Amino acid sequence: MRLNLQTDFALRVLMFLAAQKRQASIEEIADAYGISRNHLTKVARHLADMGLISARRGRGGGLELVLPPEEIGVGKVVREMESLSGFVECFERDSNTCPVAGACGLQGALRSALDDFLARLDDYTVADLLPRPDRFTKALAKSPPG
């Protein structure tokens, strides 16, 4: 299983903002991680729609956490950013063409595994992803741009 880039970027944005404890621009975050500003803009819009960050344009604008990092659940972010209904074809009722859907145990096994995966992520907050925010910030400062 692999998380999509938008989920990865969303978690990175949240971690960056939590570690910095201040407003930051998309450009600043993109440069720190060496990732596309365009992709990051889409992710920031989604995070703002979720109510996790505020995004202000223009001079003095930027991204900022709306909630404390201790209140932002990793499982919630993953659920919102990922398209988990299409994890495998047989999860999609409307477009499922699998001839053995409902007659095999794969769907149940995968549903159970996915539920376990998400339940484990529910045990973590963004704050938990930053046990040492100072080390995180220093590591970003040392990393060469992408």
N, C-alpha and C. Protein backbone atom coordinates (compact mmCIF):
# COMPACT_ATOMS: atom_id res chain seq x y z
N MET A 1 0.85 -1.18 0.00
CA MET A 1 0.00 0.00 0.00
C MET A 1 0.89 1.23 0.00
N ARG A 2 0.47 2.22 -0.74
CA ARG A 2 1.24 3.45 -0.83
C ARG A 2 0.27 4.63 -0.77
N LEU A 3 0.58 5.60 0.09
CA LEU A 3 -0.23 6.80 0.16
C LEU A 3 0.06 7.66 -1.07
N ASN A 4 -0.96 8.38 -1.54
CA ASN A 4 -0.73 9.23 -2.70
C ASN A 4 0.09 10.46 -2.29
N LEU A 5 0.64 11.15 -3.29
CA LEU A 5 1.50 12.30 -3.01
C LEU A 5 0.77 13.40 -2.27
N GLN A 6 -0.51 13.59 -2.56
CA GLN A 6 -1.24 14.65 -1.86
C GLN A 6 -1.34 14.37 -0.36
N THR A 7 -1.51 13.12 0.01
CA THR A 7 -1.56 12.76 1.43
C THR A 7 -0.20 13.00 2.06
N ASP A 8 0.84 12.56 1.37
CA ASP A 8 2.21 12.76 1.85
C ASP A 8 2.48 14.26 2.05
N PHE A 9 2.14 15.06 1.05
CA PHE A 9 2.37 16.49 1.14
C PHE A 9 1.53 17.13 2.24
N ALA A 10 0.30 16.67 2.41
CA ALA A 10 -0.57 17.22 3.46
C ALA A 10 0.05 17.00 4.84
N LEU A 11 0.54 15.80 5.08
CA LEU A 11 1.16 15.52 6.37
C LEU A 11 2.44 16.34 6.54
N ARG A 12 3.19 16.52 5.47
CA ARG A 12 4.41 17.33 5.54
C ARG A 12 4.09 18.79 5.86
N VAL A 13 3.04 19.33 5.23
CA VAL A 13 2.64 20.71 5.50
C VAL A 13 2.26 20.86 6.97
N LEU A 14 1.44 19.95 7.46
CA LEU A 14 1.00 20.02 8.85
C LEU A 14 2.19 19.92 9.82
N MET A 15 3.12 19.02 9.51
CA MET A 15 4.30 18.87 10.36
C MET A 15 5.17 20.13 10.32
N PHE A 16 5.35 20.69 9.13
CA PHE A 16 6.14 21.91 8.99
C PHE A 16 5.55 23.03 9.83
N LEU A 17 4.25 23.26 9.67
CA LEU A 17 3.59 24.33 10.41
C LEU A 17 3.63 24.09 11.91
N ALA A 18 3.47 22.85 12.32
CA ALA A 18 3.51 22.52 13.75
C ALA A 18 4.92 22.75 14.32
N ALA A 19 5.94 22.38 13.57
CA ALA A 19 7.31 22.54 14.05
C ALA A 19 7.72 24.02 14.08
N GLN A 20 7.30 24.78 13.08
CA GLN A 20 7.68 26.19 12.99
C GLN A 20 6.91 27.06 13.99
N LYS A 21 5.69 26.63 14.32
CA LYS A 21 4.84 27.37 15.26
C LYS A 21 4.61 28.80 14.80
N ARG A 22 4.48 28.95 13.47
CA ARG A 22 4.23 30.27 12.91
C ARG A 22 3.64 30.10 11.52
N GLN A 23 3.19 31.20 10.98
CA GLN A 23 2.68 31.22 9.61
C GLN A 23 3.85 31.01 8.64
N ALA A 24 3.59 30.31 7.55
CA ALA A 24 4.63 30.08 6.54
C ALA A 24 3.99 30.14 5.15
N SER A 25 4.78 30.53 4.18
CA SER A 25 4.27 30.61 2.81
C SER A 25 4.39 29.26 2.12
N ILE A 26 3.58 29.08 1.09
CA ILE A 26 3.67 27.86 0.29
C ILE A 26 5.06 27.74 -0.30
N GLU A 27 5.60 28.85 -0.75
CA GLU A 27 6.95 28.84 -1.33
C GLU A 27 7.99 28.35 -0.32
N GLU A 28 7.89 28.83 0.90
CA GLU A 28 8.82 28.43 1.95
C GLU A 28 8.75 26.92 2.22
N ILE A 29 7.53 26.41 2.30
CA ILE A 29 7.35 24.98 2.57
C ILE A 29 7.81 24.15 1.37
N ALA A 30 7.44 24.58 0.18
CA ALA A 30 7.86 23.87 -1.04
C ALA A 30 9.38 23.84 -1.15
N ASP A 31 10.03 24.95 -0.87
CA ASP A 31 11.49 24.99 -0.93
C ASP A 31 12.13 24.09 0.12
N ALA A 32 11.55 24.08 1.32
CA ALA A 32 12.10 23.25 2.40
C ALA A 32 12.09 21.77 2.04
N TYR A 33 11.03 21.33 1.38
CA TYR A 33 10.89 19.92 1.02
C TYR A 33 11.36 19.60 -0.40
N GLY A 34 11.57 20.65 -1.20
CA GLY A 34 11.94 20.43 -2.60
C GLY A 34 10.81 19.83 -3.40
N ILE A 35 9.60 20.36 -3.19
CA ILE A 35 8.42 19.83 -3.90
C ILE A 35 7.73 20.95 -4.67
N SER A 36 6.85 20.57 -5.56
CA SER A 36 6.15 21.49 -6.45
C SER A 36 5.22 22.44 -5.70
N ARG A 37 5.33 23.72 -6.01
CA ARG A 37 4.43 24.71 -5.42
C ARG A 37 3.00 24.50 -5.88
N ASN A 38 2.83 24.09 -7.14
CA ASN A 38 1.48 23.85 -7.66
C ASN A 38 0.79 22.73 -6.90
N HIS A 39 1.50 21.62 -6.69
CA HIS A 39 0.92 20.52 -5.92
C HIS A 39 0.61 20.97 -4.50
N LEU A 40 1.52 21.71 -3.91
CA LEU A 40 1.35 22.15 -2.54
C LEU A 40 0.16 23.11 -2.40
N THR A 41 -0.08 23.92 -3.42
CA THR A 41 -1.22 24.84 -3.40
C THR A 41 -2.52 24.05 -3.35
N LYS A 42 -2.63 23.00 -4.15
CA LYS A 42 -3.84 22.15 -4.14
C LYS A 42 -4.03 21.50 -2.77
N VAL A 43 -2.93 21.01 -2.21
CA VAL A 43 -2.99 20.36 -0.90
C VAL A 43 -3.41 21.37 0.16
N ALA A 44 -2.84 22.56 0.12
CA ALA A 44 -3.18 23.60 1.10
C ALA A 44 -4.67 23.95 1.01
N ARG A 45 -5.17 24.03 -0.19
CA ARG A 45 -6.60 24.32 -0.38
C ARG A 45 -7.45 23.23 0.29
N HIS A 46 -7.06 21.97 0.09
CA HIS A 46 -7.80 20.86 0.68
C HIS A 46 -7.71 20.92 2.22
N LEU A 47 -6.52 21.17 2.75
CA LEU A 47 -6.36 21.27 4.21
C LEU A 47 -7.19 22.43 4.78
N ALA A 48 -7.26 23.52 4.03
CA ALA A 48 -8.08 24.66 4.48
C ALA A 48 -9.57 24.28 4.45
N ASP A 49 -9.99 23.57 3.40
CA ASP A 49 -11.38 23.12 3.32
C ASP A 49 -11.72 22.16 4.46
N MET A 50 -10.74 21.42 4.92
CA MET A 50 -10.93 20.50 6.04
C MET A 50 -10.97 21.24 7.38
N GLY A 51 -10.61 22.51 7.38
CA GLY A 51 -10.60 23.29 8.61
C GLY A 51 -9.36 23.09 9.46
N LEU A 52 -8.28 22.58 8.86
CA LEU A 52 -7.06 22.31 9.62
C LEU A 52 -6.06 23.46 9.55
N ILE A 53 -6.08 24.20 8.45
CA ILE A 53 -5.19 25.34 8.31
C ILE A 53 -5.98 26.55 7.81
N SER A 54 -5.43 27.72 8.05
CA SER A 54 -5.97 28.92 7.41
C SER A 54 -4.98 29.28 6.31
N ALA A 55 -5.51 29.75 5.22
CA ALA A 55 -4.68 30.14 4.08
C ALA A 55 -5.06 31.54 3.66
N ARG A 56 -4.15 32.48 3.88
CA ARG A 56 -4.39 33.87 3.51
C ARG A 56 -3.46 34.26 2.38
N ARG A 57 -4.04 34.94 1.39
CA ARG A 57 -3.26 35.39 0.24
C ARG A 57 -2.69 36.77 0.47
N GLY A 58 -1.73 37.10 -0.37
CA GLY A 58 -1.21 38.45 -0.39
C GLY A 58 -0.13 38.72 0.65
N ARG A 59 0.25 39.98 0.70
CA ARG A 59 1.28 40.40 1.64
C ARG A 59 0.85 40.10 3.07
N GLY A 60 1.72 39.48 3.81
CA GLY A 60 1.39 39.10 5.17
C GLY A 60 0.55 37.84 5.26
N GLY A 61 0.32 37.21 4.11
CA GLY A 61 -0.47 35.99 4.08
C GLY A 61 0.40 34.76 4.30
N GLY A 62 -0.22 33.62 4.18
CA GLY A 62 0.49 32.36 4.35
C GLY A 62 -0.42 31.30 4.94
N LEU A 63 0.19 30.22 5.31
CA LEU A 63 -0.53 29.09 5.90
C LEU A 63 -0.25 29.03 7.39
N GLU A 64 -1.28 28.64 8.14
CA GLU A 64 -1.14 28.54 9.58
C GLU A 64 -2.09 27.48 10.11
N LEU A 65 -1.66 26.75 11.12
CA LEU A 65 -2.54 25.76 11.74
C LEU A 65 -3.72 26.46 12.41
N VAL A 66 -4.90 25.88 12.28
CA VAL A 66 -6.08 26.40 12.95
C VAL A 66 -6.23 25.72 14.31
N LEU A 67 -5.86 24.45 14.35
CA LEU A 67 -5.95 23.66 15.57
C LEU A 67 -4.55 23.37 16.11
N PRO A 68 -4.43 23.12 17.40
CA PRO A 68 -3.14 22.68 17.93
C PRO A 68 -2.76 21.33 17.32
N PRO A 69 -1.47 21.06 17.12
CA PRO A 69 -1.04 19.79 16.52
C PRO A 69 -1.56 18.57 17.28
N GLU A 70 -1.79 18.73 18.58
CA GLU A 70 -2.30 17.62 19.40
C GLU A 70 -3.74 17.26 19.07
N GLU A 71 -4.43 18.13 18.35
CA GLU A 71 -5.84 17.90 18.00
C GLU A 71 -6.04 17.50 16.54
N ILE A 72 -4.96 17.35 15.80
CA ILE A 72 -5.08 16.97 14.39
C ILE A 72 -4.70 15.51 14.24
N GLY A 73 -5.71 14.67 14.02
CA GLY A 73 -5.50 13.23 13.90
C GLY A 73 -4.95 12.83 12.54
N VAL A 74 -3.93 12.01 12.57
CA VAL A 74 -3.31 11.53 11.32
C VAL A 74 -4.30 10.68 10.53
N GLY A 75 -5.06 9.84 11.22
CA GLY A 75 -6.04 8.99 10.54
C GLY A 75 -7.08 9.82 9.80
N LYS A 76 -7.52 10.90 10.41
CA LYS A 76 -8.50 11.78 9.77
C LYS A 76 -7.92 12.39 8.50
N VAL A 77 -6.69 12.84 8.56
CA VAL A 77 -6.04 13.44 7.39
C VAL A 77 -5.94 12.42 6.26
N VAL A 78 -5.51 11.22 6.60
CA VAL A 78 -5.37 10.17 5.58
C VAL A 78 -6.72 9.83 4.97
N ARG A 79 -7.75 9.69 5.79
CA ARG A 79 -9.08 9.38 5.26
C ARG A 79 -9.57 10.46 4.29
N GLU A 80 -9.32 11.71 4.64
CA GLU A 80 -9.79 12.83 3.81
C GLU A 80 -8.99 12.96 2.52
N MET A 81 -7.71 12.67 2.57
CA MET A 81 -6.85 12.90 1.42
C MET A 81 -6.83 11.71 0.45
N GLU A 82 -7.07 10.53 0.95
CA GLU A 82 -7.00 9.32 0.12
C GLU A 82 -8.37 8.95 -0.43
N SER A 83 -8.38 8.28 -1.55
CA SER A 83 -9.61 7.71 -2.10
C SER A 83 -9.62 6.24 -1.72
N LEU A 84 -10.06 5.96 -0.52
CA LEU A 84 -9.97 4.59 0.01
C LEU A 84 -11.09 3.68 -0.48
N SER A 85 -12.16 4.26 -1.00
CA SER A 85 -13.23 3.40 -1.50
C SER A 85 -12.76 2.59 -2.69
N GLY A 86 -11.79 3.11 -3.42
CA GLY A 86 -11.26 2.41 -4.59
C GLY A 86 -9.96 1.69 -4.29
N PHE A 87 -9.77 1.31 -3.04
CA PHE A 87 -8.54 0.61 -2.64
C PHE A 87 -8.30 -0.60 -3.54
N VAL A 88 -9.34 -1.35 -3.79
CA VAL A 88 -9.35 -2.40 -4.81
C VAL A 88 -10.69 -2.30 -5.54
N GLU A 89 -10.74 -2.82 -6.73
CA GLU A 89 -11.92 -2.67 -7.57
C GLU A 89 -13.20 -3.12 -6.87
N CYS A 90 -13.14 -4.22 -6.15
CA CYS A 90 -14.37 -4.75 -5.57
C CYS A 90 -14.92 -3.88 -4.44
N PHE A 91 -14.19 -2.85 -4.01
CA PHE A 91 -14.71 -1.91 -3.03
C PHE A 91 -15.67 -0.92 -3.69
N GLU A 92 -15.61 -0.79 -5.00
CA GLU A 92 -16.44 0.15 -5.74
C GLU A 92 -17.70 -0.56 -6.23
N ARG A 93 -18.81 -0.31 -5.58
CA ARG A 93 -20.06 -1.00 -5.94
C ARG A 93 -20.52 -0.68 -7.36
N ASP A 94 -20.39 0.58 -7.75
CA ASP A 94 -20.91 1.00 -9.05
C ASP A 94 -20.06 0.55 -10.23
N SER A 95 -18.77 0.42 -10.04
CA SER A 95 -17.90 0.09 -11.18
C SER A 95 -17.22 -1.27 -11.04
N ASN A 96 -17.62 -2.05 -10.06
CA ASN A 96 -17.00 -3.36 -9.85
C ASN A 96 -17.35 -4.33 -10.99
N THR A 97 -16.34 -4.87 -11.62
CA THR A 97 -16.56 -5.85 -12.68
C THR A 97 -15.97 -7.21 -12.33
N CYS A 98 -15.52 -7.36 -11.10
CA CYS A 98 -14.91 -8.63 -10.69
C CYS A 98 -15.97 -9.73 -10.68
N PRO A 99 -15.74 -10.80 -11.44
CA PRO A 99 -16.75 -11.86 -11.53
C PRO A 99 -16.92 -12.67 -10.25
N VAL A 100 -15.95 -12.59 -9.33
CA VAL A 100 -16.07 -13.38 -8.10
C VAL A 100 -16.37 -12.52 -6.87
N ALA A 101 -16.69 -11.25 -7.11
CA ALA A 101 -17.01 -10.36 -5.99
C ALA A 101 -18.15 -10.96 -5.18
N GLY A 102 -17.99 -11.00 -3.91
CA GLY A 102 -19.00 -11.56 -3.02
C GLY A 102 -18.87 -13.06 -2.81
N ALA A 103 -18.06 -13.69 -3.65
CA ALA A 103 -17.87 -15.14 -3.52
C ALA A 103 -16.47 -15.48 -3.02
N CYS A 104 -15.65 -14.47 -2.83
CA CYS A 104 -14.29 -14.73 -2.32
C CYS A 104 -14.08 -13.97 -1.02
N GLY A 105 -13.01 -14.28 -0.35
CA GLY A 105 -12.74 -13.63 0.94
C GLY A 105 -11.78 -12.46 0.84
N LEU A 106 -11.32 -12.13 -0.36
CA LEU A 106 -10.34 -11.05 -0.50
C LEU A 106 -10.88 -9.71 -0.04
N GLN A 107 -12.09 -9.38 -0.45
CA GLN A 107 -12.66 -8.09 -0.09
C GLN A 107 -12.72 -7.93 1.43
N GLY A 108 -13.18 -8.94 2.13
CA GLY A 108 -13.27 -8.87 3.59
C GLY A 108 -11.91 -8.76 4.25
N ALA A 109 -10.94 -9.51 3.73
CA ALA A 109 -9.59 -9.46 4.29
C ALA A 109 -8.97 -8.09 4.10
N LEU A 110 -9.13 -7.54 2.89
CA LEU A 110 -8.56 -6.23 2.62
C LEU A 110 -9.28 -5.13 3.38
N ARG A 111 -10.59 -5.23 3.51
CA ARG A 111 -11.36 -4.24 4.29
C ARG A 111 -10.88 -4.25 5.74
N SER A 112 -10.69 -5.44 6.30
CA SER A 112 -10.22 -5.57 7.67
C SER A 112 -8.81 -4.97 7.83
N ALA A 113 -7.94 -5.26 6.88
CA ALA A 113 -6.58 -4.73 6.94
C ALA A 113 -6.59 -3.20 6.82
N LEU A 114 -7.40 -2.68 5.93
CA LEU A 114 -7.49 -1.23 5.76
C LEU A 114 -8.04 -0.58 7.03
N ASP A 115 -9.06 -1.18 7.61
CA ASP A 115 -9.63 -0.66 8.86
C ASP A 115 -8.59 -0.67 9.98
N ASP A 116 -7.79 -1.74 10.06
CA ASP A 116 -6.73 -1.82 11.07
C ASP A 116 -5.67 -0.74 10.85
N PHE A 117 -5.30 -0.53 9.59
CA PHE A 117 -4.32 0.49 9.22
C PHE A 117 -4.80 1.87 9.67
N LEU A 118 -6.04 2.19 9.34
CA LEU A 118 -6.59 3.50 9.70
C LEU A 118 -6.77 3.64 11.21
N ALA A 119 -7.16 2.57 11.87
CA ALA A 119 -7.32 2.60 13.32
C ALA A 119 -5.97 2.87 13.99
N ARG A 120 -4.91 2.31 13.45
CA ARG A 120 -3.57 2.55 14.00
C ARG A 120 -3.20 4.02 13.81
N LEU A 121 -3.49 4.57 12.64
CA LEU A 121 -3.19 5.98 12.38
C LEU A 121 -4.02 6.90 13.28
N ASP A 122 -5.21 6.45 13.68
CA ASP A 122 -6.04 7.22 14.59
C ASP A 122 -5.39 7.40 15.96
N ASP A 123 -4.40 6.56 16.27
CA ASP A 123 -3.69 6.66 17.54
C ASP A 123 -2.68 7.81 17.55
N TYR A 124 -2.45 8.43 16.39
CA TYR A 124 -1.43 9.46 16.27
C TYR A 124 -2.02 10.81 15.90
N THR A 125 -1.37 11.84 16.43
CA THR A 125 -1.68 13.21 16.05
C THR A 125 -0.45 13.79 15.36
N VAL A 126 -0.61 14.97 14.78
CA VAL A 126 0.53 15.64 14.16
C VAL A 126 1.61 15.89 15.20
N ALA A 127 1.23 16.20 16.42
CA ALA A 127 2.22 16.41 17.48
C ALA A 127 3.05 15.14 17.70
N ASP A 128 2.43 13.98 17.60
CA ASP A 128 3.16 12.71 17.78
C ASP A 128 4.20 12.50 16.68
N LEU A 129 3.98 13.10 15.52
CA LEU A 129 4.92 12.95 14.41
C LEU A 129 6.14 13.84 14.58
N LEU A 130 6.10 14.69 15.59
CA LEU A 130 7.20 15.62 15.86
C LEU A 130 7.69 15.49 17.30
N PRO A 131 8.28 14.34 17.64
CA PRO A 131 8.72 14.21 19.03
C PRO A 131 9.81 15.22 19.40
N ARG A 132 10.56 15.68 18.40
CA ARG A 132 11.60 16.68 18.61
C ARG A 132 11.49 17.75 17.51
N PRO A 133 10.58 18.70 17.66
CA PRO A 133 10.40 19.72 16.62
C PRO A 133 11.68 20.47 16.26
N ASP A 134 12.56 20.67 17.24
CA ASP A 134 13.82 21.37 16.97
C ASP A 134 14.69 20.56 16.00
N ARG A 135 14.76 19.26 16.19
CA ARG A 135 15.54 18.40 15.26
C ARG A 135 14.92 18.39 13.88
N PHE A 136 13.61 18.37 13.83
CA PHE A 136 12.88 18.38 12.56
C PHE A 136 13.21 19.65 11.78
N THR A 137 13.14 20.78 12.45
CA THR A 137 13.42 22.07 11.82
C THR A 137 14.86 22.15 11.35
N LYS A 138 15.79 21.67 12.16
CA LYS A 138 17.20 21.67 11.76
C LYS A 138 17.44 20.76 10.56
N ALA A 139 16.78 19.61 10.54
CA ALA A 139 16.93 18.67 9.42
C ALA A 139 16.44 19.31 8.12
N LEU A 140 15.33 20.02 8.19
CA LEU A 140 14.82 20.70 7.00
C LEU A 140 15.78 21.78 6.53
N ALA A 141 16.36 22.50 7.45
CA ALA A 141 17.28 23.58 7.10
C ALA A 141 18.54 23.03 6.40
N LYS A 142 18.93 21.81 6.74
CA LYS A 142 20.13 21.21 6.17
C LYS A 142 19.87 20.53 4.83
N SER A 143 18.61 20.16 4.57
CA SER A 143 18.32 19.39 3.37
C SER A 143 18.48 20.25 2.13
N PRO A 144 19.12 19.69 1.10
CA PRO A 144 19.27 20.45 -0.14
C PRO A 144 17.93 20.53 -0.86
N PRO A 145 17.65 21.63 -1.55
CA PRO A 145 16.40 21.76 -2.28
C PRO A 145 16.28 20.65 -3.33
N GLY A 146 15.02 20.18 -3.54
CA GLY A 146 14.71 19.08 -4.46
C GLY A 146 15.20 19.34 -5.79
